[in-house]
C-alpha atoms as a PDB file:
ATOM      1  CA  MET A   1      95.221  83.289 139.785  1.00  0.00           C
ATOM      2  CA  GLY A   2      92.450  84.847 137.698  1.00  0.00           C
ATOM      3  CA  PHE A   3      92.532  85.732 134.086  1.00  0.00           C
ATOM      4  CA  MET A   4      92.247  89.339 133.008  1.00  0.00           C
ATOM      5  CA  ALA A   5      90.008  90.058 130.072  1.00  0.00           C
ATOM      6  CA  ARG A   6      91.852  91.287 127.029  1.00  0.00           C
ATOM      7  CA  PRO A   7      90.797  94.767 125.955  1.00  0.00           C
ATOM      8  CA  VAL A   8      88.810  94.843 122.758  1.00  0.00           C
ATOM      9  CA  VAL A   9      90.857  96.352 119.963  1.00  0.00           C
ATOM     10  CA  HIS A  10      88.909  98.083 117.251  1.00  0.00           C
ATOM     11  CA  THR A  11      90.799  98.347 113.998  1.00  0.00           C
ATOM     12  CA  ASP A  12      91.052 101.336 111.705  1.00  0.00           C
ATOM     13  CA  SER A  13      89.276  99.184 109.136  1.00  0.00           C
ATOM     14  CA  LEU A  14      86.235  98.914 111.417  1.00  0.00           C
ATOM     15  CA  ARG A  15      86.374 102.659 112.049  1.00  0.00           C
ATOM     16  CA  GLN A  16      86.374 103.341 108.298  1.00  0.00           C
ATOM     17  CA  ASP A  17      83.518 100.862 107.771  1.00  0.00           C
ATOM     18  CA  LEU A  18      81.452 102.616 110.446  1.00  0.00           C
ATOM     19  CA  LEU A  19      82.073 106.006 108.847  1.00  0.00           C
ATOM     20  CA  ALA A  20      81.078 104.750 105.389  1.00  0.00           C
ATOM     21  CA  VAL A  21      77.984 102.927 106.653  1.00  0.00           C
ATOM     22  CA  THR A  22      76.898 105.973 108.639  1.00  0.00           C
ATOM     23  CA  ALA A  23      77.189 108.246 105.605  1.00  0.00           C
ATOM     24  CA  GLU A  24      75.061 105.860 103.533  1.00  0.00           C
ATOM     25  CA  LEU A  25      72.403 105.391 106.228  1.00  0.00           C
ATOM     26  CA  VAL A  26      72.122 109.107 107.015  1.00  0.00           C
ATOM     27  CA  ASP A  27      71.961 109.949 103.313  1.00  0.00           C
ATOM     28  CA  ARG A  28      69.153 107.434 102.830  1.00  0.00           C
ATOM     29  CA  ASP A  29      67.149 107.880 106.048  1.00  0.00           C
ATOM     30  CA  GLY A  30      68.182 111.241 107.493  1.00  0.00           C
ATOM     31  CA  PRO A  31      70.160 111.794 110.692  1.00  0.00           C
ATOM     32  CA  ALA A  32      67.159 111.748 113.035  1.00  0.00           C
ATOM     33  CA  ARG A  33      66.072 108.261 111.985  1.00  0.00           C
ATOM     34  CA  VAL A  34      69.475 106.555 112.080  1.00  0.00           C
ATOM     35  CA  THR A  35      70.360 104.904 115.365  1.00  0.00           C
ATOM     36  CA  LEU A  36      73.688 103.577 116.551  1.00  0.00           C
ATOM     37  CA  ARG A  37      72.101 100.132 116.538  1.00  0.00           C
ATOM     38  CA  ASP A  38      71.380 100.601 112.795  1.00  0.00           C
ATOM     39  CA  VAL A  39      74.969 101.651 112.169  1.00  0.00           C
ATOM     40  CA  ALA A  40      76.403  98.744 114.167  1.00  0.00           C
ATOM     41  CA  ALA A  41      74.160  96.223 112.423  1.00  0.00           C
ATOM     42  CA  ALA A  42      75.056  97.531 108.964  1.00  0.00           C
ATOM     43  CA  ALA A  43      78.763  97.348 109.809  1.00  0.00           C
ATOM     44  CA  ARG A  44      78.346  93.899 111.425  1.00  0.00           C
ATOM     45  CA  THR A  45      79.658  94.993 114.783  1.00  0.00           C
ATOM     46  CA  SER A  46      78.303  95.973 118.177  1.00  0.00           C
ATOM     47  CA  THR A  47      77.034  99.282 119.491  1.00  0.00           C
ATOM     48  CA  THR A  48      79.799  98.949 122.069  1.00  0.00           C
ATOM     49  CA  ALA A  49      82.315  99.258 119.237  1.00  0.00           C
ATOM     50  CA  VAL A  50      80.594 102.405 117.999  1.00  0.00           C
ATOM     51  CA  TYR A  51      80.606 103.963 121.477  1.00  0.00           C
ATOM     52  CA  SER A  52      84.196 102.894 122.031  1.00  0.00           C
ATOM     53  CA  LEU A  53      85.417 104.434 118.786  1.00  0.00           C
ATOM     54  CA  PHE A  54      83.273 107.574 118.658  1.00  0.00           C
ATOM     55  CA  GLY A  55      81.551 108.181 121.984  1.00  0.00           C
ATOM     56  CA  GLY A  56      78.025 108.704 120.664  1.00  0.00           C
ATOM     57  CA  LYS A  57      75.880 109.628 117.707  1.00  0.00           C
ATOM     58  CA  SER A  58      76.808 113.300 117.373  1.00  0.00           C
ATOM     59  CA  GLN A  59      80.515 112.464 117.616  1.00  0.00           C
ATOM     60  CA  LEU A  60      80.074 109.740 115.000  1.00  0.00           C
ATOM     61  CA  LEU A  61      78.308 112.148 112.636  1.00  0.00           C
ATOM     62  CA  ALA A  62      80.972 114.796 113.188  1.00  0.00           C
ATOM     63  CA  ALA A  63      83.675 112.195 112.468  1.00  0.00           C
ATOM     64  CA  VAL A  64      81.888 111.236 109.240  1.00  0.00           C
ATOM     65  CA  VAL A  65      81.856 114.837 108.038  1.00  0.00           C
ATOM     66  CA  ASP A  66      85.423 115.561 109.154  1.00  0.00           C
ATOM     67  CA  GLY A  67      86.596 112.359 107.479  1.00  0.00           C
ATOM     68  CA  GLY A  68      84.787 113.413 104.324  1.00  0.00           C
ATOM     69  CA  PHE A  69      86.538 116.760 104.272  1.00  0.00           C
ATOM     70  CA  GLN A  70      89.888 115.037 104.849  1.00  0.00           C
ATOM     71  CA  SER A  71      89.269 112.571 102.021  1.00  0.00           C
ATOM     72  CA  PHE A  72      88.173 115.414  99.752  1.00  0.00           C
ATOM     73  CA  ARG A  73      91.274 117.435 100.681  1.00  0.00           C
ATOM     74  CA  ASP A  74      93.513 114.436  99.980  1.00  0.00           C
ATOM     75  CA  SER A  75      92.004 114.065  96.505  1.00  0.00           C
ATOM     76  CA  GLN A  76      92.487 117.782  95.867  1.00  0.00           C
ATOM     77  CA  MET A  77      96.111 117.604  97.032  1.00  0.00           C
ATOM     78  CA  ALA A  78      96.730 114.714  94.643  1.00  0.00           C
ATOM     79  CA  ALA A  79      95.211 116.750  91.797  1.00  0.00           C
ATOM     80  CA  ALA A  80      97.001 120.015  92.668  1.00  0.00           C
ATOM     81  CA  PRO A  81      99.838 119.552  90.134  1.00  0.00           C
ATOM     82  CA  GLY A  82      97.146 119.810  87.422  1.00  0.00           C
ATOM     83  CA  GLY A  83      96.339 123.375  88.462  1.00  0.00           C
ATOM     84  CA  LEU A  84      92.833 124.762  88.570  1.00  0.00           C
ATOM     85  CA  HIS A  85      91.571 122.476  85.813  1.00  0.00           C
ATOM     86  CA  GLY A  86      92.963 119.392  87.551  1.00  0.00           C
ATOM     87  CA  LEU A  87      91.336 120.435  90.823  1.00  0.00           C
ATOM     88  CA  GLY A  88      88.016 120.935  89.036  1.00  0.00           C
ATOM     89  CA  VAL A  89      88.123 117.486  87.459  1.00  0.00           C
ATOM     90  CA  ALA A  90      89.093 115.924  90.790  1.00  0.00           C
ATOM     91  CA  TYR A  91      86.226 117.732  92.529  1.00  0.00           C
ATOM     92  CA  ARG A  92      83.595 116.064  90.355  1.00  0.00           C
ATOM     93  CA  THR A  93      85.349 112.687  90.396  1.00  0.00           C
ATOM     94  CA  TRP A  94      85.475 112.654  94.196  1.00  0.00           C
ATOM     95  CA  ALA A  95      81.838 113.748  94.502  1.00  0.00           C
ATOM     96  CA  LEU A  96      80.645 111.021  92.126  1.00  0.00           C
ATOM     97  CA  GLN A  97      82.654 108.390  94.008  1.00  0.00           C
ATOM     98  CA  HIS A  98      81.388 109.583  97.422  1.00  0.00           C
ATOM     99  CA  GLN A  99      77.850 110.750  96.682  1.00  0.00           C
ATOM    100  CA  ALA A 100      76.325 110.032 100.087  1.00  0.00           C
ATOM    101  CA  LEU A 101      79.239 111.653 101.857  1.00  0.00           C
ATOM    102  CA  TYR A 102      79.157 114.669  99.535  1.00  0.00           C
ATOM    103  CA  ARG A 103      75.454 115.216 100.214  1.00  0.00           C
ATOM    104  CA  LEU A 104      76.052 114.837 103.936  1.00  0.00           C
ATOM    105  CA  MET A 105      78.922 117.332 103.908  1.00  0.00           C
ATOM    106  CA  PHE A 106      77.194 119.957 101.790  1.00  0.00           C
ATOM    107  CA  GLY A 107      73.481 119.179 101.833  1.00  0.00           C
ATOM    108  CA  GLY A 108      72.553 120.511 105.257  1.00  0.00           C
ATOM    109  CA  ALA A 109      71.178 117.175 106.531  1.00  0.00           C
ATOM    110  CA  LEU A 110      72.978 117.700 109.825  1.00  0.00           C
ATOM    111  CA  ALA A 111      71.618 121.210 110.414  1.00  0.00           C
ATOM    112  CA  ALA A 112      69.185 119.830 113.022  1.00  0.00           C
ATOM    113  CA  TYR A 113      72.129 118.480 114.995  1.00  0.00           C
ATOM    114  CA  VAL A 114      73.530 121.697 116.412  1.00  0.00           C
ATOM    115  CA  ASP A 115      76.139 119.772 118.371  1.00  0.00           C
ATOM    116  CA  CYS A 116      77.254 117.972 115.211  1.00  0.00           C
ATOM    117  CA  GLN A 117      79.171 120.390 113.033  1.00  0.00           C
ATOM    118  CA  PRO A 118      82.301 119.728 111.005  1.00  0.00           C
ATOM    119  CA  SER A 119      85.407 121.109 112.614  1.00  0.00           C
ATOM    120  CA  PRO A 120      86.311 124.496 111.126  1.00  0.00           C
ATOM    121  CA  GLU A 121      89.836 123.222 110.528  1.00  0.00           C
ATOM    122  CA  ALA A 122      88.684 120.268 108.412  1.00  0.00           C
ATOM    123  CA  ALA A 123      86.514 122.463 106.205  1.00  0.00           C
ATOM    124  CA  ALA A 124      89.185 125.155 105.869  1.00  0.00           C
ATOM    125  CA  ASP A 125      91.933 122.636 105.091  1.00  0.00           C
ATOM    126  CA  ALA A 126      89.837 121.223 102.253  1.00  0.00           C
ATOM    127  CA  MET A 127      89.958 124.604 100.522  1.00  0.00           C
ATOM    128  CA  GLU A 128      93.725 125.092 100.800  1.00  0.00           C
ATOM    129  CA  PRO A 129      94.672 123.337  97.519  1.00  0.00           C
ATOM    130  CA  LEU A 130      92.263 125.604  95.615  1.00  0.00           C
ATOM    131  CA  LYS A 131      93.556 128.745  97.315  1.00  0.00           C
ATOM    132  CA  ASP A 132      97.132 127.669  96.572  1.00  0.00           C
ATOM    133  CA  ALA A 133      96.285 127.084  92.895  1.00  0.00           C
ATOM    134  CA  VAL A 134      94.607 130.489  92.642  1.00  0.00           C
ATOM    135  CA  ALA A 135      97.618 132.219  94.222  1.00  0.00           C
ATOM    136  CA  SER A 136      99.987 130.309  91.945  1.00  0.00           C
ATOM    137  CA  ALA A 137      98.017 131.213  88.802  1.00  0.00           C
ATOM    138  CA  GLN A 138      97.867 134.849  89.891  1.00  0.00           C
ATOM    139  CA  ALA A 139     101.638 134.870  90.494  1.00  0.00           C
ATOM    140  CA  ALA A 140     102.137 133.401  87.005  1.00  0.00           C
ATOM    141  CA  GLY A 141      99.966 136.172  85.556  1.00  0.00           C
ATOM    142  CA  THR A 142      97.327 133.813  84.130  1.00  0.00           C
ATOM    143  CA  LEU A 143      94.526 134.647  86.588  1.00  0.00           C
ATOM    144  CA  LEU A 144      92.895 137.978  87.385  1.00  0.00           C
ATOM    145  CA  GLN A 145      94.318 139.790  90.374  1.00  0.00           C
ATOM    146  CA  ALA A 146      91.712 139.774  93.132  1.00  0.00           C
ATOM    147  CA  PRO A 147      91.713 138.565  96.733  1.00  0.00           C
ATOM    148  CA  VAL A 148      92.678 134.880  96.672  1.00  0.00           C
ATOM    149  CA  GLU A 149      89.949 133.870  99.122  1.00  0.00           C
ATOM    150  CA  MET A 150      87.237 135.597  97.052  1.00  0.00           C
ATOM    151  CA  VAL A 151      88.378 134.001  93.784  1.00  0.00           C
ATOM    152  CA  ALA A 152      88.654 130.570  95.404  1.00  0.00           C
ATOM    153  CA  VAL A 153      85.169 130.792  96.918  1.00  0.00           C
ATOM    154  CA  ALA A 154      83.686 131.956  93.601  1.00  0.00           C
ATOM    155  CA  ILE A 155      85.315 129.112  91.677  1.00  0.00           C
ATOM    156  CA  TRP A 156      84.319 126.553  94.327  1.00  0.00           C
ATOM    157  CA  ALA A 157      80.722 127.777  94.211  1.00  0.00           C
ATOM    158  CA  GLN A 158      80.554 127.353  90.452  1.00  0.00           C
ATOM    159  CA  VAL A 159      81.833 123.777  90.374  1.00  0.00           C
ATOM    160  CA  HIS A 160      79.924 122.874  93.528  1.00  0.00           C
ATOM    161  CA  GLY A 161      76.672 124.112  92.022  1.00  0.00           C
ATOM    162  CA  LEU A 162      76.995 122.014  88.892  1.00  0.00           C
ATOM    163  CA  VAL A 163      78.053 118.876  90.765  1.00  0.00           C
ATOM    164  CA  SER A 164      75.172 119.335  93.207  1.00  0.00           C
ATOM    165  CA  LEU A 165      72.707 119.612  90.326  1.00  0.00           C
ATOM    166  CA  GLU A 166      74.147 116.473  88.749  1.00  0.00           C
ATOM    167  CA  LEU A 167      73.895 114.460  91.947  1.00  0.00           C
ATOM    168  CA  ALA A 168      70.324 115.648  92.457  1.00  0.00           C
ATOM    169  CA  GLN A 169      69.544 114.855  88.781  1.00  0.00           C
ATOM    170  CA  MET A 170      67.940 118.289  88.415  1.00  0.00           C
ATOM    171  CA  GLY A 171      68.567 118.629  84.690  1.00  0.00           C
ATOM    172  CA  PRO A 172      66.886 117.121  81.661  1.00  0.00           C
ATOM    173  CA  PRO A 173      66.864 113.297  81.652  1.00  0.00           C
ATOM    174  CA  GLU A 174      69.239 113.184  78.684  1.00  0.00           C
ATOM    175  CA  ALA A 175      71.721 115.658  80.210  1.00  0.00           C
ATOM    176  CA  ASP A 176      75.351 114.950  79.418  1.00  0.00           C
ATOM    177  CA  TRP A 177      76.746 115.961  82.790  1.00  0.00           C
ATOM    178  CA  ALA A 178      80.365 115.260  81.877  1.00  0.00           C
ATOM    179  CA  ALA A 179      80.151 117.549  78.852  1.00  0.00           C
ATOM    180  CA  ALA A 180      78.331 120.229  80.843  1.00  0.00           C
ATOM    181  CA  TYR A 181      80.952 120.061  83.560  1.00  0.00           C
ATOM    182  CA  THR A 182      83.821 120.312  81.075  1.00  0.00           C
ATOM    183  CA  ALA A 183      82.145 123.333  79.457  1.00  0.00           C
ATOM    184  CA  ALA A 184      81.687 124.902  82.893  1.00  0.00           C
ATOM    185  CA  LEU A 185      85.360 124.396  83.782  1.00  0.00           C
ATOM    186  CA  ASP A 186      86.344 126.006  80.483  1.00  0.00           C
ATOM    187  CA  ALA A 187      83.988 128.932  81.171  1.00  0.00           C
ATOM    188  CA  VAL A 188      85.411 129.389  84.673  1.00  0.00           C
ATOM    189  CA  ALA A 189      88.941 129.444  83.234  1.00  0.00           C
ATOM    190  CA  ARG A 190      87.976 132.026  80.591  1.00  0.00           C
ATOM    191  CA  GLY A 191      86.074 134.133  83.101  1.00  0.00           C
ATOM    192  CA  TRP A 192      88.993 134.422  85.493  1.00  0.00           C
ATOM    193  CA  ALA A 193      91.784 134.605  82.895  1.00  0.00           C
ATOM    194  CA  ALA A 194      94.097 137.602  83.155  1.00  0.00           C
END
């Protein structure tokens, strides 16, 4: 009687490690230069594990971006009780804690990989807490009445721009990014106040 090989079980922990390692490697080297062998070596696993969990490089990259949007959405959901200000603070906090992932999600590094786009659902879901906060503030009479989607996109663009500049260190060397961000959040609130 022969023995059957046990199937290899890849844990969620390994999956998360591969996603994190991939984000770091792609941020550092660019998507074209990163190989699955690089990813496997950095995560101390085999390329077989990568193929088994993701299928290939474009699927791995798409999973990284989708996972980033999910993580971002989760942080926004946790901050939602704090209203628009709480969401703004959480936006910067998440970006600073996940810099490589943030740049990968929003920096266009994957543009060359046409078959590697975030799922529209993941990106749209990430914006839901902001849209809900805008609608809630409008219903309470504290925010200008305008289409929710337009207001949400305008607010997102403002905070995104400042965070992107901070991560790229595009300001003066002595820039106090926390103070600038707080001032920007206050300006956004005043600008959209009813």
